[in-house]
Every structure is written in C-alpha cells, then in structure tokens.
Amino acid sequence: MATDIQNVKEEIRKLQIFCLNLEDKLYAFMKRIPDGGIQEMEETMAISNEFKSKIGGQ
C-alpha cells in the first residue's frame, strides 16, 4: 500500500514538472506570435493553470 502511494506521488510530481515545462514552452511561443494571437494564448494559459490547480500544481 505504501508503495502504491509513493508511486502515485511520483507520478503527480512528473505531471507537475510536465506542466511547468509546457507552460514555459507556451510563454516562449507567445513571445513569437503577433498581438492578435495573445488573447488565444491567454485563454490557453488559463486552461493550463486550471489543470495544474486540479493536480496540485503551483
């Protein structure tokens, strides 16, 4: 049982790192697109932040 909990915690940690890396890539992409696309990217970031909050991200 403790091993299962540890495995779940490790998977959550991996997901958190994945989300942070994805967020970094989205910000880098945002800097390259014209202002017209900024609103779409902000909406995408809001979805990303909502997902991260559901899995315990920062």
C-alpha atoms as a PDB file:
ATOM      1  CA  MET A   1       0.000   0.000   0.000  1.00  0.00           C
ATOM      2  CA  ALA A   2       2.760   2.463   0.902  1.00  0.00           C
ATOM      3  CA  THR A   3       4.499   1.621  -2.372  1.00  0.00           C
ATOM      4  CA  ASP A   4       1.320   2.447  -4.305  1.00  0.00           C
ATOM      5  CA  ILE A   5       1.056   5.805  -2.551  1.00  0.00           C
ATOM      6  CA  GLN A   6       4.709   6.527  -3.283  1.00  0.00           C
ATOM      7  CA  ASN A   7       4.179   5.614  -6.952  1.00  0.00           C
ATOM      8  CA  VAL A   8       1.179   7.944  -7.185  1.00  0.00           C
ATOM      9  CA  LYS A   9       3.159  10.774  -5.568  1.00  0.00           C
ATOM     10  CA  GLU A  10       5.974  10.231  -8.070  1.00  0.00           C
ATOM     11  CA  GLU A  11       3.544  10.310 -11.000  1.00  0.00           C
ATOM     12  CA  ILE A  12       1.998  13.538  -9.668  1.00  0.00           C
ATOM     13  CA  ARG A  13       5.477  15.062  -9.393  1.00  0.00           C
ATOM     14  CA  LYS A  14       6.192  14.065 -13.007  1.00  0.00           C
ATOM     15  CA  LEU A  15       2.910  15.648 -14.137  1.00  0.00           C
ATOM     16  CA  GLN A  16       3.735  18.858 -12.280  1.00  0.00           C
ATOM     17  CA  ILE A  17       7.135  19.044 -13.982  1.00  0.00           C
ATOM     18  CA  PHE A  18       5.496  18.318 -17.343  1.00  0.00           C
ATOM     19  CA  CYS A  19       3.006  21.159 -16.787  1.00  0.00           C
ATOM     20  CA  LEU A  20       5.759  23.599 -15.830  1.00  0.00           C
ATOM     21  CA  ASN A  21       7.739  22.673 -18.944  1.00  0.00           C
ATOM     22  CA  LEU A  22       4.626  23.038 -21.080  1.00  0.00           C
ATOM     23  CA  GLU A  23       3.936  26.443 -19.551  1.00  0.00           C
ATOM     24  CA  ASP A  24       7.495  27.569 -20.359  1.00  0.00           C
ATOM     25  CA  LYS A  25       7.046  26.446 -23.963  1.00  0.00           C
ATOM     26  CA  LEU A  26       3.713  28.274 -24.223  1.00  0.00           C
ATOM     27  CA  TYR A  27       5.264  31.512 -22.947  1.00  0.00           C
ATOM     28  CA  ALA A  28       8.144  31.165 -25.417  1.00  0.00           C
ATOM     29  CA  PHE A  29       5.629  30.602 -28.215  1.00  0.00           C
ATOM     30  CA  MET A  30       3.541  33.588 -27.091  1.00  0.00           C
ATOM     31  CA  LYS A  31       6.531  35.877 -27.499  1.00  0.00           C
ATOM     32  CA  ARG A  32       6.843  34.859 -31.168  1.00  0.00           C
ATOM     33  CA  ILE A  33       3.255  35.467 -32.282  1.00  0.00           C
ATOM     34  CA  PRO A  34       1.594  38.775 -33.240  1.00  0.00           C
ATOM     35  CA  ASP A  35      -0.626  40.598 -30.737  1.00  0.00           C
ATOM     36  CA  GLY A  36      -3.793  39.182 -32.316  1.00  0.00           C
ATOM     37  CA  GLY A  37      -2.910  35.727 -31.010  1.00  0.00           C
ATOM     38  CA  ILE A  38      -2.193  36.862 -27.466  1.00  0.00           C
ATOM     39  CA  GLN A  39      -5.820  36.512 -26.324  1.00  0.00           C
ATOM     40  CA  GLU A  40      -5.947  32.924 -27.558  1.00  0.00           C
ATOM     41  CA  MET A  41      -2.720  32.128 -25.746  1.00  0.00           C
ATOM     42  CA  GLU A  42      -4.002  33.757 -22.540  1.00  0.00           C
ATOM     43  CA  GLU A  43      -7.081  31.537 -22.740  1.00  0.00           C
ATOM     44  CA  THR A  44      -4.818  28.521 -23.240  1.00  0.00           C
ATOM     45  CA  MET A  45      -2.759  29.544 -20.213  1.00  0.00           C
ATOM     46  CA  ALA A  46      -5.930  29.859 -18.127  1.00  0.00           C
ATOM     47  CA  ILE A  47      -6.864  26.291 -19.070  1.00  0.00           C
ATOM     48  CA  SER A  48      -3.322  25.155 -18.246  1.00  0.00           C
ATOM     49  CA  ASN A  49      -3.471  26.874 -14.853  1.00  0.00           C
ATOM     50  CA  GLU A  50      -6.857  25.309 -14.102  1.00  0.00           C
ATOM     51  CA  PHE A  51      -5.464  21.861 -14.946  1.00  0.00           C
ATOM     52  CA  LYS A  52      -2.396  22.445 -12.786  1.00  0.00           C
ATOM     53  CA  SER A  53      -4.543  23.520  -9.839  1.00  0.00           C
ATOM     54  CA  LYS A  54      -6.561  20.307 -10.146  1.00  0.00           C
ATOM     55  CA  ILE A  55      -3.415  18.159  -9.921  1.00  0.00           C
ATOM     56  CA  GLY A  56      -1.881  20.205  -7.119  1.00  0.00           C
ATOM     57  CA  GLY A  57       0.491  22.399  -9.129  1.00  0.00           C
ATOM     58  CA  GLN A  58       1.666  25.834  -8.126  1.00  0.00           C
END
